[in-house]
PDB file of N, CA and C in Angstrom:
ATOM      1  N   MET A   1       7.264  18.283 -18.643  1.00  0.00           N
ATOM      2  CA  MET A   1       6.324  17.752 -17.981  1.00  0.00           C
ATOM      3  C   MET A   1       6.882  17.879 -16.206  1.00  0.00           C
ATOM      4  N   ILE A   2       5.996  17.820 -15.371  1.00  0.00           N
ATOM      5  CA  ILE A   2       6.039  18.042 -13.767  1.00  0.00           C
ATOM      6  C   ILE A   2       6.572  16.700 -13.633  1.00  0.00           C
ATOM      7  N   ASP A   3       7.331  16.409 -12.386  1.00  0.00           N
ATOM      8  CA  ASP A   3       7.924  15.651 -11.753  1.00  0.00           C
ATOM      9  C   ASP A   3       7.101  15.953 -10.480  1.00  0.00           C
ATOM     10  N   VAL A   4       5.814  14.743 -10.646  1.00  0.00           N
ATOM     11  CA  VAL A   4       5.750  15.199  -9.556  1.00  0.00           C
ATOM     12  C   VAL A   4       6.053  14.363  -8.519  1.00  0.00           C
ATOM     13  N   SER A   5       6.840  13.836  -8.278  1.00  0.00           N
ATOM     14  CA  SER A   5       7.851  12.941  -7.138  1.00  0.00           C
ATOM     15  C   SER A   5       8.752  14.373  -6.459  1.00  0.00           C
ATOM     16  N   ARG A   6       8.862  14.859  -7.028  1.00  0.00           N
ATOM     17  CA  ARG A   6       9.335  16.082  -6.142  1.00  0.00           C
ATOM     18  C   ARG A   6       8.462  16.676  -5.121  1.00  0.00           C
ATOM     19  N   THR A   7       7.023  16.809  -5.761  1.00  0.00           N
ATOM     20  CA  THR A   7       5.966  17.101  -4.656  1.00  0.00           C
ATOM     21  C   THR A   7       5.628  16.145  -3.384  1.00  0.00           C
ATOM     22  N   VAL A   8       5.187  15.099  -3.805  1.00  0.00           N
ATOM     23  CA  VAL A   8       5.331  14.572  -2.867  1.00  0.00           C
ATOM     24  C   VAL A   8       6.566  14.043  -2.019  1.00  0.00           C
ATOM     25  N   LEU A   9       7.805  14.572  -2.332  1.00  0.00           N
ATOM     26  CA  LEU A   9       8.565  14.213  -1.461  1.00  0.00           C
ATOM     27  C   LEU A   9       8.743  15.201  -0.458  1.00  0.00           C
ATOM     28  N   ARG A  10       8.316  16.459  -0.922  1.00  0.00           N
ATOM     29  CA  ARG A  10       8.307  17.692  -0.326  1.00  0.00           C
ATOM     30  C   ARG A  10       7.472  17.986   0.698  1.00  0.00           C
ATOM     31  N   PHE A  11       6.402  16.967   0.622  1.00  0.00           N
ATOM     32  CA  PHE A  11       5.155  17.142   1.656  1.00  0.00           C
ATOM     33  C   PHE A  11       4.888  15.437   2.548  1.00  0.00           C
ATOM     34  N   ALA A  12       5.996  14.933   2.050  1.00  0.00           N
ATOM     35  CA  ALA A  12       6.370  13.843   3.107  1.00  0.00           C
ATOM     36  C   ALA A  12       6.223  13.231   4.377  1.00  0.00           C
ATOM     37  N   THR A  13       6.254  12.135   4.766  1.00  0.00           N
ATOM     38  CA  THR A  13       6.431  11.753   6.625  1.00  0.00           C
ATOM     39  C   THR A  13       6.799  10.674   6.246  1.00  0.00           C
ATOM     40  N   ALA A  14       7.699  10.548   7.339  1.00  0.00           N
ATOM     41  CA  ALA A  14       7.988   8.893   7.206  1.00  0.00           C
ATOM     42  C   ALA A  14       7.256   7.921   7.754  1.00  0.00           C
ATOM     43  N   HIS A  15       7.031   6.510   7.677  1.00  0.00           N
ATOM     44  CA  HIS A  15       6.365   5.876   8.126  1.00  0.00           C
ATOM     45  C   HIS A  15       6.810   4.510   7.593  1.00  0.00           C
ATOM     46  N   THR A  16       6.266   3.543   8.674  1.00  0.00           N
ATOM     47  CA  THR A  16       6.783   2.287   8.481  1.00  0.00           C
ATOM     48  C   THR A  16       6.209   1.616   7.261  1.00  0.00           C
ATOM     49  N   LEU A  17       6.402   0.654   6.793  1.00  0.00           N
ATOM     50  CA  LEU A  17       6.200  -0.530   5.255  1.00  0.00           C
ATOM     51  C   LEU A  17       6.525  -1.373   5.494  1.00  0.00           C
ATOM     52  N   ARG A  18       5.555  -2.398   5.742  1.00  0.00           N
ATOM     53  CA  ARG A  18       5.920  -3.943   5.763  1.00  0.00           C
ATOM     54  C   ARG A  18       5.386  -4.234   4.532  1.00  0.00           C
ATOM     55  N   ARG A  19       6.296  -5.215   3.947  1.00  0.00           N
ATOM     56  CA  ARG A  19       6.563  -6.168   3.292  1.00  0.00           C
ATOM     57  C   ARG A  19       6.830  -7.272   3.401  1.00  0.00           C
ATOM     58  N   PRO A  20       5.710  -8.272   2.825  1.00  0.00           N
ATOM     59  CA  PRO A  20       5.800  -9.625   2.992  1.00  0.00           C
ATOM     60  C   PRO A  20       6.508 -10.699   2.166  1.00  0.00           C
ATOM     61  N   GLY A  21       6.887 -11.841   2.586  1.00  0.00           N
ATOM     62  CA  GLY A  21       7.937 -12.685   1.790  1.00  0.00           C
ATOM     63  C   GLY A  21       6.783 -13.493   0.980  1.00  0.00           C
ATOM     64  N   ALA A  22       7.021 -14.346   0.095  1.00  0.00           N
ATOM     65  CA  ALA A  22       6.979 -15.915  -0.165  1.00  0.00           C
ATOM     66  C   ALA A  22       5.666 -16.221   0.771  1.00  0.00           C
ATOM     67  N   ALA A  23       4.590 -17.137   0.178  1.00  0.00           N
ATOM     68  CA  ALA A  23       3.846 -17.567   1.286  1.00  0.00           C
ATOM     69  C   ALA A  23       3.935 -18.690   1.382  1.00  0.00           C
ATOM     70  N   THR A  24       4.249 -19.586   2.560  1.00  0.00           N
ATOM     71  CA  THR A  24       4.575 -20.634   2.934  1.00  0.00           C
ATOM     72  C   THR A  24       3.347 -21.631   3.146  1.00  0.00           C
ATOM     73  N   TYR A  25       3.404 -22.746   3.073  1.00  0.00           N
ATOM     74  CA  TYR A  25       2.043 -23.680   3.284  1.00  0.00           C
ATOM     75  C   TYR A  25       2.689 -25.352   4.395  1.00  0.00           C
ATOM     76  N   VAL A  26       2.089 -24.763   5.406  1.00  0.00           N
ATOM     77  CA  VAL A  26       2.107 -26.140   6.090  1.00  0.00           C
ATOM     78  C   VAL A  26       0.835 -26.830   6.201  1.00  0.00           C
ATOM     79  N   ASP A  27       1.193 -28.370   5.726  1.00  0.00           N
ATOM     80  CA  ASP A  27      -0.706 -29.229   5.592  1.00  0.00           C
ATOM     81  C   ASP A  27      -1.224 -28.082   4.991  1.00  0.00           C
ATOM     82  N   GLY A  28      -0.916 -27.794   4.274  1.00  0.00           N
ATOM     83  CA  GLY A  28      -1.767 -27.531   2.593  1.00  0.00           C
ATOM     84  C   GLY A  28      -2.363 -26.158   3.295  1.00  0.00           C
ATOM     85  N   ARG A  29      -2.421 -25.734   4.392  1.00  0.00           N
ATOM     86  CA  ARG A  29      -2.981 -24.143   5.214  1.00  0.00           C
ATOM     87  C   ARG A  29      -1.890 -23.411   4.870  1.00  0.00           C
ATOM     88  N   PRO A  30      -2.269 -21.648   4.399  1.00  0.00           N
ATOM     89  CA  PRO A  30      -0.832 -20.739   4.183  1.00  0.00           C
ATOM     90  C   PRO A  30      -0.977 -20.716   5.779  1.00  0.00           C
ATOM     91  N   ASP A  31       0.498 -20.583   5.909  1.00  0.00           N
ATOM     92  CA  ASP A  31       0.973 -19.999   6.965  1.00  0.00           C
ATOM     93  C   ASP A  31       1.650 -18.450   7.319  1.00  0.00           C
ATOM     94  N   ASP A  32       1.801 -17.792   8.270  1.00  0.00           N
ATOM     95  CA  ASP A  32       1.866 -16.169   8.192  1.00  0.00           C
ATOM     96  C   ASP A  32       3.288 -15.921   7.169  1.00  0.00           C
ATOM     97  N   ALA A  33       3.464 -15.440   6.445  1.00  0.00           N
ATOM     98  CA  ALA A  33       4.392 -14.665   5.848  1.00  0.00           C
ATOM     99  C   ALA A  33       5.485 -14.003   6.695  1.00  0.00           C
ATOM    100  N   VAL A  34       6.784 -14.139   6.862  1.00  0.00           N
ATOM    101  CA  VAL A  34       7.359 -13.138   7.130  1.00  0.00           C
ATOM    102  C   VAL A  34       7.819 -11.733   6.503  1.00  0.00           C
ATOM    103  N   TYR A  35       7.474 -10.926   7.203  1.00  0.00           N
ATOM    104  CA  TYR A  35       7.626  -8.951   7.360  1.00  0.00           C
ATOM    105  C   TYR A  35       8.741  -8.582   7.279  1.00  0.00           C
ATOM    106  N   SER A  36       8.917  -7.965   6.007  1.00  0.00           N
ATOM    107  CA  SER A  36      10.372  -7.319   6.433  1.00  0.00           C
ATOM    108  C   SER A  36       9.788  -5.914   6.524  1.00  0.00           C
ATOM    109  N   SER A  37      10.448  -4.986   7.127  1.00  0.00           N
ATOM    110  CA  SER A  37      10.409  -4.067   7.458  1.00  0.00           C
ATOM    111  C   SER A  37      11.047  -2.919   7.064  1.00  0.00           C
ATOM    112  N   SER A  38      10.579  -1.576   6.327  1.00  0.00           N
ATOM    113  CA  SER A  38      11.572  -0.614   6.277  1.00  0.00           C
ATOM    114  C   SER A  38      10.559   0.428   5.890  1.00  0.00           C
ATOM    115  N   THR A  39      11.780   1.660   6.080  1.00  0.00           N
ATOM    116  CA  THR A  39      10.867   3.412   6.733  1.00  0.00           C
ATOM    117  C   THR A  39      11.013   3.758   5.295  1.00  0.00           C
ATOM    118  N   ILE A  40       9.665   4.409   4.485  1.00  0.00           N
ATOM    119  CA  ILE A  40       9.233   4.975   3.218  1.00  0.00           C
ATOM    120  C   ILE A  40       9.172   6.525   3.610  1.00  0.00           C
ATOM    121  N   ARG A  41       8.912   7.506   2.661  1.00  0.00           N
ATOM    122  CA  ARG A  41       8.574   8.984   2.999  1.00  0.00           C
ATOM    123  C   ARG A  41       7.147   8.224   2.040  1.00  0.00           C
ATOM    124  N   ALA A  42       5.992   9.219   2.953  1.00  0.00           N
ATOM    125  CA  ALA A  42       4.688   9.301   1.780  1.00  0.00           C
ATOM    126  C   ALA A  42       3.731  10.201   2.355  1.00  0.00           C
ATOM    127  N   VAL A  43       3.223  10.444   1.869  1.00  0.00           N
ATOM    128  CA  VAL A  43       1.702  11.561   2.049  1.00  0.00           C
ATOM    129  C   VAL A  43       0.868  10.288   1.883  1.00  0.00           C
ATOM    130  N   VAL A  44       0.269  10.341   3.093  1.00  0.00           N
ATOM    131  CA  VAL A  44      -1.212   9.417   3.472  1.00  0.00           C
ATOM    132  C   VAL A  44      -2.284  10.757   3.877  1.00  0.00           C
ATOM    133  N   GLN A  45      -3.243  10.284   3.457  1.00  0.00           N
ATOM    134  CA  GLN A  45      -4.662  11.151   3.239  1.00  0.00           C
ATOM    135  C   GLN A  45      -5.918  10.393   3.357  1.00  0.00           C
ATOM    136  N   PRO A  46      -7.136  10.866   3.896  1.00  0.00           N
ATOM    137  CA  PRO A  46      -8.252   9.824   4.192  1.00  0.00           C
ATOM    138  C   PRO A  46      -8.896   9.828   2.349  1.00  0.00           C
ATOM    139  N   ALA A  47      -9.441   8.728   2.095  1.00  0.00           N
ATOM    140  CA  ALA A  47      -9.611   8.304   1.239  1.00  0.00           C
ATOM    141  C   ALA A  47     -11.072   8.845   0.375  1.00  0.00           C
ATOM    142  N   SER A  48     -10.929   9.642  -0.424  1.00  0.00           N
ATOM    143  CA  SER A  48     -12.016  10.296  -1.367  1.00  0.00           C
ATOM    144  C   SER A  48     -13.435   8.902  -1.711  1.00  0.00           C
ATOM    145  N   ALA A  49     -14.019   9.278  -1.877  1.00  0.00           N
ATOM    146  CA  ALA A  49     -15.592   8.489  -2.705  1.00  0.00           C
ATOM    147  C   ALA A  49     -14.645   8.100  -3.780  1.00  0.00           C
ATOM    148  N   GLY A  50     -14.671   9.304  -4.605  1.00  0.00           N
ATOM    149  CA  GLY A  50     -13.287   8.347  -5.928  1.00  0.00           C
ATOM    150  C   GLY A  50     -12.691   7.438  -5.615  1.00  0.00           C
ATOM    151  N   ASP A  51     -11.578   7.973  -4.543  1.00  0.00           N
ATOM    152  CA  ASP A  51     -10.491   6.751  -4.410  1.00  0.00           C
ATOM    153  C   ASP A  51     -11.003   5.295  -3.480  1.00  0.00           C
ATOM    154  N   MET A  52     -12.532   5.355  -3.259  1.00  0.00           N
ATOM    155  CA  MET A  52     -13.149   4.262  -2.891  1.00  0.00           C
ATOM    156  C   MET A  52     -13.553   3.540  -3.592  1.00  0.00           C
ATOM    157  N   ARG A  53     -14.078   3.861  -5.189  1.00  0.00           N
ATOM    158  CA  ARG A  53     -14.427   2.956  -6.459  1.00  0.00           C
ATOM    159  C   ARG A  53     -13.302   2.725  -7.012  1.00  0.00           C
ATOM    160  N   ARG A  54     -12.086   2.774  -6.538  1.00  0.00           N
ATOM    161  CA  ARG A  54     -10.937   1.794  -7.154  1.00  0.00           C
ATOM    162  C   ARG A  54     -10.704   0.773  -6.811  1.00  0.00           C
ATOM    163  N   LEU A  55     -11.040   0.725  -5.732  1.00  0.00           N
ATOM    164  CA  LEU A  55     -11.157  -0.623  -4.371  1.00  0.00           C
ATOM    165  C   LEU A  55     -11.798  -2.201  -5.321  1.00  0.00           C
ATOM    166  N   PRO A  56     -11.825  -3.371  -4.819  1.00  0.00           N
ATOM    167  CA  PRO A  56     -12.665  -4.116  -5.165  1.00  0.00           C
ATOM    168  C   PRO A  56     -14.219  -3.804  -4.259  1.00  0.00           C
ATOM    169  N   GLU A  57     -15.403  -4.299  -4.856  1.00  0.00           N
ATOM    170  CA  GLU A  57     -16.713  -3.583  -4.250  1.00  0.00           C
ATOM    171  C   GLU A  57     -16.680  -4.253  -2.356  1.00  0.00           C
ATOM    172  N   GLY A  58     -16.295  -5.662  -2.617  1.00  0.00           N
ATOM    173  CA  GLY A  58     -16.171  -6.135  -0.950  1.00  0.00           C
ATOM    174  C   GLY A  58     -15.378  -5.259  -0.123  1.00  0.00           C
ATOM    175  N   ASP A  59     -14.725  -4.371  -0.375  1.00  0.00           N
ATOM    176  CA  ASP A  59     -13.548  -3.649   0.539  1.00  0.00           C
ATOM    177  C   ASP A  59     -14.343  -1.807   0.503  1.00  0.00           C
ATOM    178  N   ARG A  60     -14.809  -1.606   0.019  1.00  0.00           N
ATOM    179  CA  ARG A  60     -15.210  -0.440  -0.180  1.00  0.00           C
ATOM    180  C   ARG A  60     -16.250   0.418   1.130  1.00  0.00           C
ATOM    181  N   GLU A  61     -16.298  -0.582   1.771  1.00  0.00           N
ATOM    182  CA  GLU A  61     -17.578  -0.329   2.968  1.00  0.00           C
ATOM    183  C   GLU A  61     -16.170   0.034   4.421  1.00  0.00           C
ATOM    184  N   ASP A  62     -15.235  -0.462   3.866  1.00  0.00           N
ATOM    185  CA  ASP A  62     -13.925  -0.082   5.028  1.00  0.00           C
ATOM    186  C   ASP A  62     -14.088   1.612   5.078  1.00  0.00           C
ATOM    187  N   ALA A  63     -12.880   1.475   6.365  1.00  0.00           N
ATOM    188  CA  ALA A  63     -12.313   2.368   6.668  1.00  0.00           C
ATOM    189  C   ALA A  63     -10.741   2.656   5.294  1.00  0.00           C
ATOM    190  N   ALA A  64     -10.649   3.655   4.696  1.00  0.00           N
ATOM    191  CA  ALA A  64      -9.268   3.902   3.776  1.00  0.00           C
ATOM    192  C   ALA A  64      -8.675   4.778   3.738  1.00  0.00           C
ATOM    193  N   ILE A  65      -7.579   4.662   3.424  1.00  0.00           N
ATOM    194  CA  ILE A  65      -6.653   5.729   3.322  1.00  0.00           C
ATOM    195  C   ILE A  65      -5.719   5.976   2.034  1.00  0.00           C
ATOM    196  N   ARG A  66      -5.293   7.198   1.546  1.00  0.00           N
ATOM    197  CA  ARG A  66      -4.880   7.137  -0.017  1.00  0.00           C
ATOM    198  C   ARG A  66      -3.229   7.504   0.242  1.00  0.00           C
ATOM    199  N   VAL A  67      -2.233   6.718  -0.624  1.00  0.00           N
ATOM    200  CA  VAL A  67      -1.020   6.743  -0.243  1.00  0.00           C
ATOM    201  C   VAL A  67       0.176   7.311  -1.458  1.00  0.00           C
ATOM    202  N   PHE A  68       0.738   8.631  -1.562  1.00  0.00           N
ATOM    203  CA  PHE A  68       1.601   8.771  -2.625  1.00  0.00           C
ATOM    204  C   PHE A  68       2.683   8.628  -2.131  1.00  0.00           C
ATOM    205  N   SER A  69       3.968   7.713  -2.774  1.00  0.00           N
ATOM    206  CA  SER A  69       5.298   7.908  -2.851  1.00  0.00           C
ATOM    207  C   SER A  69       6.077   7.481  -3.518  1.00  0.00           C
ATOM    208  N   THR A  70       6.846   7.771  -3.403  1.00  0.00           N
ATOM    209  CA  THR A  70       8.583   7.307  -4.161  1.00  0.00           C
ATOM    210  C   THR A  70       8.623   6.157  -4.044  1.00  0.00           C
ATOM    211  N   SER A  71       7.768   5.051  -3.106  1.00  0.00           N
ATOM    212  CA  SER A  71       8.608   4.125  -2.561  1.00  0.00           C
ATOM    213  C   SER A  71       7.888   3.466  -3.829  1.00  0.00           C
ATOM    214  N   GLU A  72       8.243   2.171  -3.929  1.00  0.00           N
ATOM    215  CA  GLU A  72       7.035   0.844  -4.656  1.00  0.00           C
ATOM    216  C   GLU A  72       5.886   0.983  -3.811  1.00  0.00           C
ATOM    217  N   LEU A  73       4.884   0.118  -3.426  1.00  0.00           N
ATOM    218  CA  LEU A  73       4.213   0.152  -3.381  1.00  0.00           C
ATOM    219  C   LEU A  73       3.438  -1.536  -3.575  1.00  0.00           C
ATOM    220  N   ARG A  74       2.867  -2.384  -3.013  1.00  0.00           N
ATOM    221  CA  ARG A  74       2.870  -3.539  -3.724  1.00  0.00           C
ATOM    222  C   ARG A  74       1.409  -4.196  -3.349  1.00  0.00           C
ATOM    223  N   VAL A  75       0.132  -4.705  -4.261  1.00  0.00           N
ATOM    224  CA  VAL A  75      -0.782  -5.403  -3.683  1.00  0.00           C
ATOM    225  C   VAL A  75      -0.730  -7.080  -3.733  1.00  0.00           C
ATOM    226  N   VAL A  76      -1.464  -7.354  -3.387  1.00  0.00           N
ATOM    227  CA  VAL A  76      -1.913  -8.856  -3.677  1.00  0.00           C
ATOM    228  C   VAL A  76      -1.266  -9.221  -5.189  1.00  0.00           C
ATOM    229  N   ASP A  77       0.177 -10.676  -4.550  1.00  0.00           N
ATOM    230  CA  ASP A  77       0.294 -10.715  -6.178  1.00  0.00           C
ATOM    231  C   ASP A  77       0.186 -12.451  -6.023  1.00  0.00           C
ATOM    232  N   VAL A  78      -0.947 -12.721  -7.030  1.00  0.00           N
ATOM    233  CA  VAL A  78      -1.188 -14.409  -6.557  1.00  0.00           C
ATOM    234  C   VAL A  78      -0.253 -15.116  -7.399  1.00  0.00           C
ATOM    235  N   SER A  79       0.170 -14.819  -8.621  1.00  0.00           N
ATOM    236  CA  SER A  79       1.470 -15.777  -8.892  1.00  0.00           C
ATOM    237  C   SER A  79       2.481 -16.100  -8.031  1.00  0.00           C
ATOM    238  N   THR A  80       2.978 -15.188  -7.535  1.00  0.00           N
ATOM    239  CA  THR A  80       4.284 -15.299  -6.724  1.00  0.00           C
ATOM    240  C   THR A  80       3.761 -15.766  -5.614  1.00  0.00           C
ATOM    241  N   GLY A  81       2.209 -15.581  -4.606  1.00  0.00           N
ATOM    242  CA  GLY A  81       1.710 -16.207  -3.725  1.00  0.00           C
ATOM    243  C   GLY A  81       2.658 -15.110  -2.350  1.00  0.00           C
ATOM    244  N   THR A  82       2.502 -13.673  -2.791  1.00  0.00           N
ATOM    245  CA  THR A  82       3.248 -12.920  -1.958  1.00  0.00           C
ATOM    246  C   THR A  82       1.410 -12.084  -1.454  1.00  0.00           C
ATOM    247  N   GLY A  83       1.673 -11.188  -0.131  1.00  0.00           N
ATOM    248  CA  GLY A  83       0.365 -10.534   0.142  1.00  0.00           C
ATOM    249  C   GLY A  83       0.910  -9.172   0.154  1.00  0.00           C
ATOM    250  N   PRO A  84       0.000  -8.351   0.174  1.00  0.00           N
ATOM    251  CA  PRO A  84      -0.053  -7.020  -0.076  1.00  0.00           C
ATOM    252  C   PRO A  84       1.181  -6.206   1.087  1.00  0.00           C
ATOM    253  N   ASP A  85       1.759  -5.076   0.780  1.00  0.00           N
ATOM    254  CA  ASP A  85       2.197  -3.962   1.395  1.00  0.00           C
ATOM    255  C   ASP A  85       1.403  -3.852   2.786  1.00  0.00           C
ATOM    256  N   VAL A  86       1.543  -3.433   3.508  1.00  0.00           N
ATOM    257  CA  VAL A  86       1.369  -2.830   4.900  1.00  0.00           C
ATOM    258  C   VAL A  86       1.984  -1.675   5.457  1.00  0.00           C
ATOM    259  N   ILE A  87       1.512  -0.539   5.360  1.00  0.00           N
ATOM    260  CA  ILE A  87       1.793   0.794   5.522  1.00  0.00           C
ATOM    261  C   ILE A  87       1.044   0.649   7.613  1.00  0.00           C
ATOM    262  N   VAL A  88       1.871   1.322   8.051  1.00  0.00           N
ATOM    263  CA  VAL A  88       1.285   1.845   9.465  1.00  0.00           C
ATOM    264  C   VAL A  88       1.642   3.015   9.352  1.00  0.00           C
ATOM    265  N   TYR A  89       0.454   3.443   9.781  1.00  0.00           N
ATOM    266  CA  TYR A  89      -0.038   4.930   9.831  1.00  0.00           C
ATOM    267  C   TYR A  89      -0.848   5.065  11.190  1.00  0.00           C
ATOM    268  N   GLN A  90      -0.140   6.587  11.821  1.00  0.00           N
ATOM    269  CA  GLN A  90      -0.752   6.877  13.147  1.00  0.00           C
ATOM    270  C   GLN A  90      -1.062   5.691  13.956  1.00  0.00           C
ATOM    271  N   GLY A  91      -0.370   4.518  13.940  1.00  0.00           N
ATOM    272  CA  GLY A  91      -0.190   3.495  14.689  1.00  0.00           C
ATOM    273  C   GLY A  91      -0.998   2.156  14.861  1.00  0.00           C
ATOM    274  N   VAL A  92      -1.565   2.377  13.289  1.00  0.00           N
ATOM    275  CA  VAL A  92      -2.781   1.487  12.706  1.00  0.00           C
ATOM    276  C   VAL A  92      -2.073   1.168  11.710  1.00  0.00           C
ATOM    277  N   GLU A  93      -2.055  -0.417  11.344  1.00  0.00           N
ATOM    278  CA  GLU A  93      -1.963  -0.989  10.200  1.00  0.00           C
ATOM    279  C   GLU A  93      -2.897  -1.086   8.984  1.00  0.00           C
ATOM    280  N   TRP A  94      -2.378  -0.722   7.620  1.00  0.00           N
ATOM    281  CA  TRP A  94      -3.217  -0.370   6.343  1.00  0.00           C
ATOM    282  C   TRP A  94      -2.819  -1.343   5.334  1.00  0.00           C
ATOM    283  N   GLU A  95      -3.632  -2.019   4.627  1.00  0.00           N
ATOM    284  CA  GLU A  95      -3.317  -3.348   3.605  1.00  0.00           C
ATOM    285  C   GLU A  95      -3.483  -2.248   2.379  1.00  0.00           C
ATOM    286  N   PHE A  96      -2.459  -2.497   1.609  1.00  0.00           N
ATOM    287  CA  PHE A  96      -2.680  -1.889   0.533  1.00  0.00           C
ATOM    288  C   PHE A  96      -3.672  -3.005  -0.514  1.00  0.00           C
ATOM    289  N   ARG A  97      -5.061  -2.440  -1.246  1.00  0.00           N
ATOM    290  CA  ARG A  97      -5.776  -3.272  -2.137  1.00  0.00           C
ATOM    291  C   ARG A  97      -5.636  -2.749  -3.317  1.00  0.00           C
ATOM    292  N   ALA A  98      -5.254  -1.462  -3.701  1.00  0.00           N
ATOM    293  CA  ALA A  98      -5.168  -1.026  -5.404  1.00  0.00           C
ATOM    294  C   ALA A  98      -4.045   0.231  -5.458  1.00  0.00           C
ATOM    295  N   VAL A  99      -3.215  -0.194  -6.419  1.00  0.00           N
ATOM    296  CA  VAL A  99      -1.886   0.596  -6.350  1.00  0.00           C
ATOM    297  C   VAL A  99      -2.109   0.859  -8.123  1.00  0.00           C
ATOM    298  N   ASP A 100      -1.692   2.242  -7.992  1.00  0.00           N
ATOM    299  CA  ASP A 100      -0.801   2.678  -9.920  1.00  0.00           C
ATOM    300  C   ASP A 100      -0.244   2.890  -9.727  1.00  0.00           C
ATOM    301  N   ALA A 101       1.351   2.414 -10.016  1.00  0.00           N
ATOM    302  CA  ALA A 101       2.868   3.152 -10.199  1.00  0.00           C
ATOM    303  C   ALA A 101       2.602   4.447 -12.043  1.00  0.00           C
ATOM    304  N   PHE A 102       3.060   5.212 -11.574  1.00  0.00           N
ATOM    305  CA  PHE A 102       3.314   6.372 -12.495  1.00  0.00           C
ATOM    306  C   PHE A 102       4.536   6.502 -13.096  1.00  0.00           C
ATOM    307  N   ASP A 103       5.028   6.148 -13.846  1.00  0.00           N
ATOM    308  CA  ASP A 103       6.582   6.661 -14.415  1.00  0.00           C
ATOM    309  C   ASP A 103       7.096   7.632 -15.409  1.00  0.00           C
ATOM    310  N   GLN A 104       6.018   8.160 -15.646  1.00  0.00           N
ATOM    311  CA  GLN A 104       6.212   9.778 -17.338  1.00  0.00           C
ATOM    312  C   GLN A 104       6.354  10.175 -15.887  1.00  0.00           C
ATOM    313  N   HIS A 105       5.722  10.532 -14.721  1.00  0.00           N
ATOM    314  CA  HIS A 105       5.910  12.094 -14.005  1.00  0.00           C
ATOM    315  C   HIS A 105       6.647  12.014 -13.065  1.00  0.00           C
ATOM    316  N   GLY A 106       7.794  10.913 -12.902  1.00  0.00           N
ATOM    317  CA  GLY A 106       9.056  11.352 -11.856  1.00  0.00           C
ATOM    318  C   GLY A 106       8.706  10.000 -10.693  1.00  0.00           C
ATOM    319  N   ALA A 107       8.291   8.977 -11.404  1.00  0.00           N
ATOM    320  CA  ALA A 107       8.469   7.553 -11.308  1.00  0.00           C
ATOM    321  C   ALA A 107       7.782   8.318  -9.335  1.00  0.00           C
ATOM    322  N   TYR A 108       6.348   7.717  -9.601  1.00  0.00           N
ATOM    323  CA  TYR A 108       5.654   7.222  -7.863  1.00  0.00           C
ATOM    324  C   TYR A 108       4.825   6.670  -7.904  1.00  0.00           C
ATOM    325  N   TRP A 109       3.553   6.054  -6.949  1.00  0.00           N
ATOM    326  CA  TRP A 109       3.008   4.825  -6.738  1.00  0.00           C
ATOM    327  C   TRP A 109       1.634   5.840  -5.726  1.00  0.00           C
ATOM    328  N   ASP A 110       0.586   5.444  -6.466  1.00  0.00           N
ATOM    329  CA  ASP A 110      -0.451   6.093  -5.253  1.00  0.00           C
ATOM    330  C   ASP A 110      -1.715   5.054  -5.564  1.00  0.00           C
ATOM    331  N   GLY A 111      -1.877   4.460  -4.033  1.00  0.00           N
ATOM    332  CA  GLY A 111      -2.124   3.417  -3.917  1.00  0.00           C
ATOM    333  C   GLY A 111      -3.296   3.707  -2.530  1.00  0.00           C
ATOM    334  N   VAL A 112      -4.047   3.081  -2.594  1.00  0.00           N
ATOM    335  CA  VAL A 112      -5.625   2.627  -1.656  1.00  0.00           C
ATOM    336  C   VAL A 112      -5.373   2.392  -0.454  1.00  0.00           C
ATOM    337  N   ALA A 113      -5.077   1.851   0.727  1.00  0.00           N
ATOM    338  CA  ALA A 113      -5.658   1.069   1.669  1.00  0.00           C
ATOM    339  C   ALA A 113      -6.674   1.260   2.528  1.00  0.00           C
ATOM    340  N   ILE A 114      -6.775  -0.472   3.363  1.00  0.00           N
ATOM    341  CA  ILE A 114      -8.093  -0.595   4.133  1.00  0.00           C
ATOM    342  C   ILE A 114      -7.014  -0.864   5.536  1.00  0.00           C
ATOM    343  N   ARG A 115      -7.826  -0.554   6.495  1.00  0.00           N
ATOM    344  CA  ARG A 115      -7.564  -1.016   8.154  1.00  0.00           C
ATOM    345  C   ARG A 115      -7.189  -2.566   7.724  1.00  0.00           C
ATOM    346  N   ARG A 116      -6.013  -2.997   8.551  1.00  0.00           N
ATOM    347  CA  ARG A 116      -6.132  -4.258   8.693  1.00  0.00           C
ATOM    348  C   ARG A 116      -7.334  -4.693   9.526  1.00  0.00           C
ATOM    349  N   GLY A 117      -8.118  -6.186   9.358  1.00  0.00           N
ATOM    350  CA  GLY A 117      -8.433  -6.877  10.607  1.00  0.00           C
ATOM    351  C   GLY A 117      -9.636  -6.426  10.379  1.00  0.00           C
ATOM    352  N   GLN A 118     -10.195  -5.455   9.750  1.00  0.00           N
ATOM    353  CA  GLN A 118     -11.772  -5.243  10.095  1.00  0.00           C
ATOM    354  C   GLN A 118     -12.367  -6.223   8.593  1.00  0.00           C
TER     355      GLN A 118
END
């Protein structure tokens, strides 16, 4: 089998990944989560039409990027109350909305993120 993670690392560049902690509630309303930041290596490219179909319908009109990384990428987790990871690309924050993990080909993640605040 081909180890795709090696290819990802070969072409990857450094990016900041912001991961939210568990959500807290103040007077019954969600309060902004505290984010931890780390540097990951990732390949980032514009999302194609096929990539856009991976997104929920309401997000398909937004600007999007596709990200390949050997670091774990996460979307919203309702069961734990945590929000999605955010990657900083070209000075703009992008929020992950779809992520697939591939363990059988060298452990890498393939995610689609939309521009934050749209």
